[in-house]
């Protein structure tokens, strides 16, 4: 109950992201104008983020209610540049929410979520294609987005792990790539 608690759980990763595992009242979606963005693939993280910003109550059912079948033609296995552009577009949407947010605590939460998202999608990008060019393209695009200020590194609000992710996301692109490869290899 309560939007603050729901959003706190969401940014902590305790709120499921996939859209296919949710039942949401249609009137709520219309009232809050929570629609999928035309032309974006795999926008579950954006839709769930926007929903978590608006929810005042949620109920979790632990039963298996959906079987998700991955096959070789699935988007998750067949990513091209348009999919990487998609992740960049979604990250830019998170950044818009960050820029508009007036509440300092929530603003920090959104920034942390954006940093985690960039980190996750850079890794997924690599696993999908193992393309230096596409990885550097995404990394360079993400570097233009919101990140920690110098003072944020001394702020106890952010975890050491999040500070490390942010630091590694803002290195010169060639150095960032070399360190990434050293950390995650093939």
Protein backbone atom coordinates (compact mmCIF):
# COMPACT_ATOMS: atom_id res chain seq x y z
CA UNK A 1 0.00 0.00 0.00
CA UNK A 2 1.16 3.50 -0.77
CA UNK A 3 3.07 4.80 -3.75
CA UNK A 4 6.27 5.54 -1.84
CA UNK A 5 6.58 1.95 -0.62
CA UNK A 6 5.66 0.52 -4.03
CA UNK A 7 8.20 2.67 -5.88
CA UNK A 8 10.86 1.93 -3.24
CA UNK A 9 10.36 -1.80 -3.80
CA UNK A 10 10.38 -1.35 -7.56
CA UNK A 11 13.72 0.49 -7.69
CA UNK A 12 15.18 -2.07 -5.27
CA UNK A 13 14.35 -4.79 -7.81
CA UNK A 14 11.64 -6.38 -5.64
CA UNK A 15 8.83 -5.59 -8.07
CA UNK A 16 8.65 -7.78 -11.19
CA UNK A 17 9.42 -5.89 -14.41
CA UNK A 18 7.87 -8.02 -17.19
CA UNK A 19 4.57 -6.63 -18.45
CA UNK A 20 3.17 -10.05 -19.26
CA UNK A 21 2.91 -11.01 -15.58
CA UNK A 22 0.56 -8.20 -14.54
CA UNK A 23 -3.15 -7.61 -14.44
CA UNK A 24 -3.85 -3.87 -14.30
CA UNK A 25 -7.23 -2.21 -14.30
CA UNK A 26 -7.90 -0.69 -17.71
CA UNK A 27 -9.50 2.39 -16.14
CA UNK A 28 -6.29 2.98 -14.14
CA UNK A 29 -4.14 2.72 -17.28
CA UNK A 30 -6.39 5.15 -19.15
CA UNK A 31 -6.62 7.60 -16.25
CA UNK A 32 -2.83 7.68 -15.84
CA UNK A 33 -2.21 7.51 -19.61
CA UNK A 34 0.04 4.48 -19.20
CA UNK A 35 0.33 3.25 -22.75
CA UNK A 36 3.02 1.36 -24.56
CA UNK A 37 5.10 3.56 -26.86
CA UNK A 38 4.53 2.70 -30.50
CA UNK A 39 7.55 1.21 -32.24
CA UNK A 40 9.51 0.23 -29.09
CA UNK A 41 10.44 -3.40 -28.51
CA UNK A 42 10.62 -5.04 -25.09
CA UNK A 43 9.50 -1.96 -23.23
CA UNK A 44 8.51 -3.86 -20.09
CA UNK A 45 10.97 -1.93 -17.95
CA UNK A 46 9.55 1.40 -19.10
CA UNK A 47 5.93 0.36 -18.71
CA UNK A 48 6.58 -1.12 -15.26
CA UNK A 49 8.58 1.95 -14.21
CA UNK A 50 5.78 4.30 -15.27
CA UNK A 51 3.20 2.10 -13.55
CA UNK A 52 5.25 1.97 -10.33
CA UNK A 53 5.38 5.78 -10.33
CA UNK A 54 1.57 5.86 -10.30
CA UNK A 55 0.43 2.84 -8.24
CA UNK A 56 -1.04 3.26 -4.78
CA UNK A 57 -1.72 -0.40 -4.16
CA UNK A 58 -0.49 -3.66 -5.58
CA UNK A 59 -0.97 -7.33 -4.82
CA UNK A 60 1.50 -10.09 -5.64
CA UNK A 61 0.33 -13.61 -6.41
CA UNK A 62 3.04 -16.24 -6.07
CA UNK A 63 1.28 -18.84 -8.21
CA UNK A 64 2.54 -19.73 -11.68
CA UNK A 65 0.04 -18.13 -14.03
CA UNK A 66 1.95 -17.78 -17.29
CA UNK A 67 4.41 -19.91 -19.21
CA UNK A 68 6.92 -17.86 -21.19
CA UNK A 69 8.46 -19.81 -24.05
CA UNK A 70 11.76 -18.62 -25.53
CA UNK A 71 12.52 -19.83 -29.03
CA UNK A 72 15.30 -19.11 -31.50
CA UNK A 73 13.26 -16.45 -33.35
CA UNK A 74 12.54 -14.59 -30.10
CA UNK A 75 13.60 -10.93 -29.88
CA UNK A 76 15.74 -11.86 -26.89
CA UNK A 77 17.92 -14.03 -29.16
CA UNK A 78 17.86 -11.86 -32.28
CA UNK A 79 18.97 -8.38 -31.46
CA UNK A 80 20.10 -5.90 -34.03
CA UNK A 81 21.04 -2.22 -33.91
CA UNK A 82 17.35 -1.23 -33.73
CA UNK A 83 17.08 -3.13 -30.44
CA UNK A 84 20.08 -1.29 -29.02
CA UNK A 85 18.53 1.99 -30.18
CA UNK A 86 15.39 0.85 -28.37
CA UNK A 87 17.25 0.50 -25.06
CA UNK A 88 18.78 3.94 -25.54
CA UNK A 89 15.30 5.38 -26.19
CA UNK A 90 13.96 3.74 -23.03
CA UNK A 91 16.89 5.04 -20.98
CA UNK A 92 16.19 8.51 -22.38
CA UNK A 93 12.59 8.17 -21.15
CA UNK A 94 13.87 7.37 -17.65
CA UNK A 95 16.10 10.42 -17.89
CA UNK A 96 13.08 12.60 -18.76
CA UNK A 97 11.37 11.44 -15.57
CA UNK A 98 14.57 12.16 -13.66
CA UNK A 99 14.79 15.70 -15.07
CA UNK A 100 11.11 16.45 -14.31
CA UNK A 101 11.08 14.98 -10.79
CA UNK A 102 10.79 17.59 -8.02
CA UNK A 103 11.08 15.29 -4.99
CA UNK A 104 14.84 14.99 -4.17
CA UNK A 105 14.53 11.47 -2.72
CA UNK A 106 12.57 10.15 -5.69
CA UNK A 107 14.93 11.96 -8.08
CA UNK A 108 17.84 10.00 -6.56
CA UNK A 109 15.88 6.76 -6.88
CA UNK A 110 15.20 7.42 -10.56
CA UNK A 111 18.86 8.23 -11.19
CA UNK A 112 19.89 4.99 -9.48
CA UNK A 113 17.37 3.06 -11.58
CA UNK A 114 18.72 4.68 -14.76
CA UNK A 115 22.30 3.74 -13.84
CA UNK A 116 21.27 0.14 -13.14
CA UNK A 117 19.35 0.03 -16.43
CA UNK A 118 22.35 1.28 -18.42
CA UNK A 119 24.56 -1.31 -16.71
CA UNK A 120 22.13 -4.17 -17.40
CA UNK A 121 21.54 -3.26 -21.04
CA UNK A 122 25.25 -2.83 -21.76
CA UNK A 123 25.77 -6.38 -20.52
CA UNK A 124 22.74 -7.69 -22.45
CA UNK A 125 24.00 -5.81 -25.51
CA UNK A 126 27.32 -7.62 -25.29
CA UNK A 127 25.77 -11.04 -24.67
CA UNK A 128 23.41 -10.59 -27.63
CA UNK A 129 25.94 -9.57 -30.28
CA UNK A 130 29.48 -9.47 -28.87
CA UNK A 131 29.93 -6.47 -31.15
CA UNK A 132 32.50 -3.90 -30.08
CA UNK A 133 30.94 -1.35 -32.42
CA UNK A 134 27.40 -1.75 -31.04
CA UNK A 135 28.63 -1.83 -27.45
CA UNK A 136 30.62 1.39 -27.92
CA UNK A 137 27.65 2.99 -29.68
CA UNK A 138 25.39 2.25 -26.69
CA UNK A 139 28.05 3.22 -24.16
CA UNK A 140 28.69 6.56 -25.88
CA UNK A 141 24.96 7.27 -26.00
CA UNK A 142 24.54 6.45 -22.31
CA UNK A 143 27.44 8.71 -21.34
CA UNK A 144 25.39 11.69 -22.59
CA UNK A 145 22.64 10.90 -20.10
CA UNK A 146 22.25 11.82 -16.45
CA UNK A 147 24.82 10.39 -14.08
CA UNK A 148 26.26 11.12 -10.65
CA UNK A 149 27.76 14.45 -9.82
CA UNK A 150 31.08 14.57 -8.00
CA UNK A 151 29.20 15.21 -4.73
CA UNK A 152 27.05 12.08 -5.24
CA UNK A 153 30.12 9.91 -4.74
CA UNK A 154 30.25 11.20 -1.15
CA UNK A 155 26.52 10.77 -0.57
CA UNK A 156 25.62 7.77 1.57
CA UNK A 157 22.27 7.47 -0.23
CA UNK A 158 23.94 5.63 -3.10
CA UNK A 159 25.53 2.22 -2.64
CA UNK A 160 29.17 1.59 -3.37
CA UNK A 161 28.11 -0.79 -6.15
CA UNK A 162 25.96 1.87 -7.81
CA UNK A 163 28.78 4.39 -7.58
CA UNK A 164 31.11 1.87 -9.22
CA UNK A 165 28.63 1.24 -12.05
CA UNK A 166 28.24 4.97 -12.65
CA UNK A 167 32.00 5.51 -12.65
CA UNK A 168 32.54 2.69 -15.15
CA UNK A 169 29.77 4.08 -17.39
CA UNK A 170 31.51 7.43 -17.75
CA UNK A 171 35.05 6.55 -18.72
CA UNK A 172 36.43 7.43 -22.15
CA UNK A 173 34.70 4.96 -24.49
CA UNK A 174 37.79 2.94 -25.49
CA UNK A 175 38.90 2.60 -21.86
CA UNK A 176 35.34 1.74 -20.78
CA UNK A 177 35.26 -1.01 -23.40
CA UNK A 178 38.62 -2.46 -22.33
CA UNK A 179 37.60 -2.55 -18.67
CA UNK A 180 34.20 -4.02 -19.55
CA UNK A 181 35.85 -6.82 -21.56
CA UNK A 182 38.27 -7.48 -18.72
CA UNK A 183 35.37 -7.70 -16.24
CA UNK A 184 33.01 -9.79 -18.37
CA UNK A 185 35.25 -11.39 -20.99
CA UNK A 186 33.47 -13.35 -23.69
